[in-house]
Amino acid sequence: MLTAFGDEENVRLALQQGVSGFVLKSCEPDELIRAVRAAHAGQAYLSPAVTRHVLGMVSFDTGERGRDAARRLAALTPRELDVLREVAEGLSNVEVGRRLHMSEATVKTYVSRILTKLGCANRVQAALLLRDAGPQG
């Protein structure tokens, strides 16, 4: 779905209807290309800007899943956690770099390392893991 309306209600409705991806019209051309390629490959894609809404729809888990998430996050360095927190806010690599005073390439390296350490396939999974860990994440 390509839309100018990325509010929580539109994201929720689109996901309920089974969209493969959700991209805002304000995205960079490269992001749109990544989204189309992901959808073509049968993968899901969410604009970083809408990730915040998706995370808002999910509450953290205080049970076994929450404990597992906290254990997995313990493998990250403090700087990796900083990057993950920004990613979980739905920021792009460029935006994370601006906030944390890093180059986009450095952020990409951190994100790749975070995904590997956590065993996550994408940024959304990593953000949900942070969410599952709760306030201590």
C-alpha atoms as a PDB file:
ATOM      1  CA  MET A   1       0.000   0.000   0.000  1.00  0.00           C
ATOM      2  CA  LEU A   2       1.339   3.408  -0.982  1.00  0.00           C
ATOM      3  CA  THR A   3      -0.439   6.225   0.806  1.00  0.00           C
ATOM      4  CA  ALA A   4      -0.078   9.702   2.240  1.00  0.00           C
ATOM      5  CA  PHE A   5      -2.047   8.644   5.327  1.00  0.00           C
ATOM      6  CA  GLY A   6       0.174   6.808   7.808  1.00  0.00           C
ATOM      7  CA  ASP A   7      -1.917   7.249  10.931  1.00  0.00           C
ATOM      8  CA  GLU A   8      -2.433   4.295  13.259  1.00  0.00           C
ATOM      9  CA  GLU A   9      -5.995   3.602  12.103  1.00  0.00           C
ATOM     10  CA  ASN A  10      -5.033   3.375   8.415  1.00  0.00           C
ATOM     11  CA  VAL A  11      -2.055   1.164   9.236  1.00  0.00           C
ATOM     12  CA  ARG A  12      -4.244  -1.143  11.326  1.00  0.00           C
ATOM     13  CA  LEU A  13      -6.926  -1.415   8.647  1.00  0.00           C
ATOM     14  CA  ALA A  14      -4.374  -2.085   5.914  1.00  0.00           C
ATOM     15  CA  LEU A  15      -2.678  -4.805   7.951  1.00  0.00           C
ATOM     16  CA  GLN A  16      -6.032  -6.398   8.718  1.00  0.00           C
ATOM     17  CA  GLN A  17      -6.746  -6.489   4.988  1.00  0.00           C
ATOM     18  CA  GLY A  18      -3.492  -8.370   4.454  1.00  0.00           C
ATOM     19  CA  VAL A  19      -1.253  -5.835   2.714  1.00  0.00           C
ATOM     20  CA  SER A  20       2.307  -6.997   2.019  1.00  0.00           C
ATOM     21  CA  GLY A  21       3.727  -3.601   2.752  1.00  0.00           C
ATOM     22  CA  PHE A  22       2.884  -0.106   3.865  1.00  0.00           C
ATOM     23  CA  VAL A  23       4.848   2.825   2.451  1.00  0.00           C
ATOM     24  CA  LEU A  24       4.227   6.537   2.773  1.00  0.00           C
ATOM     25  CA  LYS A  25       4.260   8.735  -0.337  1.00  0.00           C
ATOM     26  CA  SER A  26       6.777  10.967   1.408  1.00  0.00           C
ATOM     27  CA  CYS A  27       9.388   8.166   1.330  1.00  0.00           C
ATOM     28  CA  GLU A  28      12.607   8.354  -0.643  1.00  0.00           C
ATOM     29  CA  PRO A  29      12.598   6.620  -4.054  1.00  0.00           C
ATOM     30  CA  ASP A  30      15.067   3.987  -2.789  1.00  0.00           C
ATOM     31  CA  GLU A  31      12.669   3.012  -0.014  1.00  0.00           C
ATOM     32  CA  LEU A  32       9.807   2.569  -2.472  1.00  0.00           C
ATOM     33  CA  ILE A  33      12.000   0.328  -4.626  1.00  0.00           C
ATOM     34  CA  ARG A  34      12.962  -1.767  -1.557  1.00  0.00           C
ATOM     35  CA  ALA A  35       9.299  -2.085  -0.605  1.00  0.00           C
ATOM     36  CA  VAL A  36       8.232  -3.222  -4.082  1.00  0.00           C
ATOM     37  CA  ARG A  37      11.079  -5.730  -4.244  1.00  0.00           C
ATOM     38  CA  ALA A  38      10.203  -7.080  -0.794  1.00  0.00           C
ATOM     39  CA  ALA A  39       6.536  -7.480  -1.737  1.00  0.00           C
ATOM     40  CA  HIS A  40       7.503  -9.179  -4.994  1.00  0.00           C
ATOM     41  CA  ALA A  41       9.673 -11.602  -3.024  1.00  0.00           C
ATOM     42  CA  GLY A  42       6.753 -12.413  -0.717  1.00  0.00           C
ATOM     43  CA  GLN A  43       8.203 -10.474   2.221  1.00  0.00           C
ATOM     44  CA  ALA A  44       6.539  -7.859   4.368  1.00  0.00           C
ATOM     45  CA  TYR A  45       7.738  -4.256   4.346  1.00  0.00           C
ATOM     46  CA  LEU A  46       6.793  -1.368   6.608  1.00  0.00           C
ATOM     47  CA  SER A  47       8.076   2.167   6.248  1.00  0.00           C
ATOM     48  CA  PRO A  48      10.151   3.050   9.292  1.00  0.00           C
ATOM     49  CA  ALA A  49       7.709   5.899   9.879  1.00  0.00           C
ATOM     50  CA  VAL A  50       4.806   3.481  10.393  1.00  0.00           C
ATOM     51  CA  THR A  51       6.748   1.057  12.582  1.00  0.00           C
ATOM     52  CA  ARG A  52       5.934   3.253  15.597  1.00  0.00           C
ATOM     53  CA  HIS A  53       2.211   2.743  14.952  1.00  0.00           C
ATOM     54  CA  VAL A  54       2.602  -1.017  14.637  1.00  0.00           C
ATOM     55  CA  LEU A  55       4.541  -1.176  17.892  1.00  0.00           C
ATOM     56  CA  GLY A  56       1.826   0.878  19.549  1.00  0.00           C
ATOM     57  CA  MET A  57      -0.654  -1.852  18.644  1.00  0.00           C
ATOM     58  CA  VAL A  58       1.356  -4.510  20.464  1.00  0.00           C
ATOM     59  CA  SER A  59       1.888  -4.572  24.217  1.00  0.00           C
ATOM     60  CA  PHE A  60       5.039  -5.995  25.758  1.00  0.00           C
ATOM     61  CA  ASP A  61       5.014  -9.512  27.144  1.00  0.00           C
ATOM     62  CA  THR A  62       5.728 -10.009  30.858  1.00  0.00           C
ATOM     63  CA  GLY A  63       5.783 -13.809  30.549  1.00  0.00           C
ATOM     64  CA  GLU A  64       8.294 -16.195  29.030  1.00  0.00           C
ATOM     65  CA  ARG A  65       8.465 -14.290  25.754  1.00  0.00           C
ATOM     66  CA  GLY A  66       9.340 -11.092  27.605  1.00  0.00           C
ATOM     67  CA  ARG A  67      12.061 -12.831  29.577  1.00  0.00           C
ATOM     68  CA  ASP A  68      13.453 -14.399  26.388  1.00  0.00           C
ATOM     69  CA  ALA A  69      13.458 -10.993  24.699  1.00  0.00           C
ATOM     70  CA  ALA A  70      15.331  -9.431  27.640  1.00  0.00           C
ATOM     71  CA  ARG A  71      17.870 -12.282  27.581  1.00  0.00           C
ATOM     72  CA  ARG A  72      18.473 -11.809  23.845  1.00  0.00           C
ATOM     73  CA  LEU A  73      18.811  -8.042  24.214  1.00  0.00           C
ATOM     74  CA  ALA A  74      21.471  -8.561  26.897  1.00  0.00           C
ATOM     75  CA  ALA A  75      23.827  -9.620  24.074  1.00  0.00           C
ATOM     76  CA  LEU A  76      23.804  -6.079  22.682  1.00  0.00           C
ATOM     77  CA  THR A  77      26.299  -3.389  23.582  1.00  0.00           C
ATOM     78  CA  PRO A  78      24.969  -0.128  25.036  1.00  0.00           C
ATOM     79  CA  ARG A  79      25.532   1.613  21.682  1.00  0.00           C
ATOM     80  CA  GLU A  80      23.688  -1.161  19.821  1.00  0.00           C
ATOM     81  CA  LEU A  81      20.784  -0.705  22.230  1.00  0.00           C
ATOM     82  CA  ASP A  82      20.820   3.030  21.493  1.00  0.00           C
ATOM     83  CA  VAL A  83      20.557   2.301  17.772  1.00  0.00           C
ATOM     84  CA  LEU A  84      17.833  -0.291  18.308  1.00  0.00           C
ATOM     85  CA  ARG A  85      15.769   2.125  20.392  1.00  0.00           C
ATOM     86  CA  GLU A  86      15.896   4.681  17.584  1.00  0.00           C
ATOM     87  CA  VAL A  87      15.014   2.023  14.998  1.00  0.00           C
ATOM     88  CA  ALA A  88      12.077   0.983  17.186  1.00  0.00           C
ATOM     89  CA  GLU A  89      10.863   4.591  17.045  1.00  0.00           C
ATOM     90  CA  GLY A  90      10.505   4.090  13.303  1.00  0.00           C
ATOM     91  CA  LEU A  91      13.477   6.217  12.285  1.00  0.00           C
ATOM     92  CA  SER A  92      15.344   5.638   9.038  1.00  0.00           C
ATOM     93  CA  ASN A  93      19.092   5.000   9.038  1.00  0.00           C
ATOM     94  CA  VAL A  94      19.715   8.636   8.102  1.00  0.00           C
ATOM     95  CA  GLU A  95      17.534   9.852  10.984  1.00  0.00           C
ATOM     96  CA  VAL A  96      19.196   7.482  13.464  1.00  0.00           C
ATOM     97  CA  GLY A  97      22.568   8.760  12.292  1.00  0.00           C
ATOM     98  CA  ARG A  98      21.536  12.361  12.848  1.00  0.00           C
ATOM     99  CA  ARG A  99      20.244  11.655  16.352  1.00  0.00           C
ATOM    100  CA  LEU A 100      23.233   9.573  17.406  1.00  0.00           C
ATOM    101  CA  HIS A 101      25.880  11.520  15.466  1.00  0.00           C
ATOM    102  CA  MET A 102      26.813   8.613  13.211  1.00  0.00           C
ATOM    103  CA  SER A 103      27.121   8.220   9.466  1.00  0.00           C
ATOM    104  CA  GLU A 104      24.389   6.348   7.613  1.00  0.00           C
ATOM    105  CA  ALA A 105      26.922   3.624   6.753  1.00  0.00           C
ATOM    106  CA  THR A 106      27.784   3.200  10.432  1.00  0.00           C
ATOM    107  CA  VAL A 107      24.098   2.921  11.328  1.00  0.00           C
ATOM    108  CA  LYS A 108      23.637   0.274   8.624  1.00  0.00           C
ATOM    109  CA  THR A 109      26.544  -1.682  10.108  1.00  0.00           C
ATOM    110  CA  TYR A 110      25.032  -1.440  13.577  1.00  0.00           C
ATOM    111  CA  VAL A 111      21.588  -2.512  12.353  1.00  0.00           C
ATOM    112  CA  SER A 112      23.075  -5.493  10.545  1.00  0.00           C
ATOM    113  CA  ARG A 113      25.023  -6.499  13.652  1.00  0.00           C
ATOM    114  CA  ILE A 114      21.920  -6.075  15.849  1.00  0.00           C
ATOM    115  CA  LEU A 115      19.794  -8.246  13.571  1.00  0.00           C
ATOM    116  CA  THR A 116      22.461 -10.950  13.543  1.00  0.00           C
ATOM    117  CA  LYS A 117      22.941 -10.926  17.319  1.00  0.00           C
ATOM    118  CA  LEU A 118      19.196 -11.029  17.970  1.00  0.00           C
ATOM    119  CA  GLY A 119      18.457 -13.594  15.273  1.00  0.00           C
ATOM    120  CA  CYS A 120      15.941 -11.258  13.638  1.00  0.00           C
ATOM    121  CA  ALA A 121      15.192 -11.135   9.916  1.00  0.00           C
ATOM    122  CA  ASN A 122      14.295  -7.446   9.815  1.00  0.00           C
ATOM    123  CA  ARG A 123      14.014  -4.183  11.743  1.00  0.00           C
ATOM    124  CA  VAL A 124      10.391  -4.754  12.681  1.00  0.00           C
ATOM    125  CA  GLN A 125      11.197  -8.082  14.360  1.00  0.00           C
ATOM    126  CA  ALA A 126      14.018  -6.434  16.306  1.00  0.00           C
ATOM    127  CA  ALA A 127      11.738  -3.569  17.351  1.00  0.00           C
ATOM    128  CA  LEU A 128       9.079  -6.033  18.512  1.00  0.00           C
ATOM    129  CA  LEU A 129      11.707  -7.900  20.509  1.00  0.00           C
ATOM    130  CA  LEU A 130      12.623  -4.641  22.228  1.00  0.00           C
ATOM    131  CA  ARG A 131       8.924  -4.048  22.881  1.00  0.00           C
ATOM    132  CA  ASP A 132       8.486  -7.565  24.313  1.00  0.00           C
ATOM    133  CA  ALA A 133      11.338  -6.945  26.741  1.00  0.00           C
ATOM    134  CA  GLY A 134       9.344  -4.122  28.278  1.00  0.00           C
ATOM    135  CA  PRO A 135      10.686  -1.078  30.092  1.00  0.00           C
ATOM    136  CA  GLN A 136      14.043  -2.682  30.912  1.00  0.00           C
ATOM    137  CA  GLY A 137      14.703  -3.118  27.138  1.00  0.00           C
END
